[in-house]
């Protein structure tokens, strides 16, 4: 019987060039915090447009002001978390 399939066998060994799991998690967290920051800025812009187009309607203006405050708080939290995670990554490295 002739062997027509050439099978290469990989031998397991110590993986020294693999990316550490902490680096992968740090990259994922940075990505998610960047997305949250972008969403906060989009919310801020949309709230500003709602405020401008309210045309004196107190209910719309109040809604837009609350959305602006929420967006600014979200941006502050995202930036704070981004800075905190960066500092912790440097500290534990």
Foldseek 3Di string as FASTA:
>chain_A
DDDPDDDDDDDDDDDPPDDDPVVVVLVVLLVVLVVQLVVLVVQLVVLVVQCVPVVPVPVSVVVSVVSNVVSVVSNVVSVVVNVVSVVVVVVVD
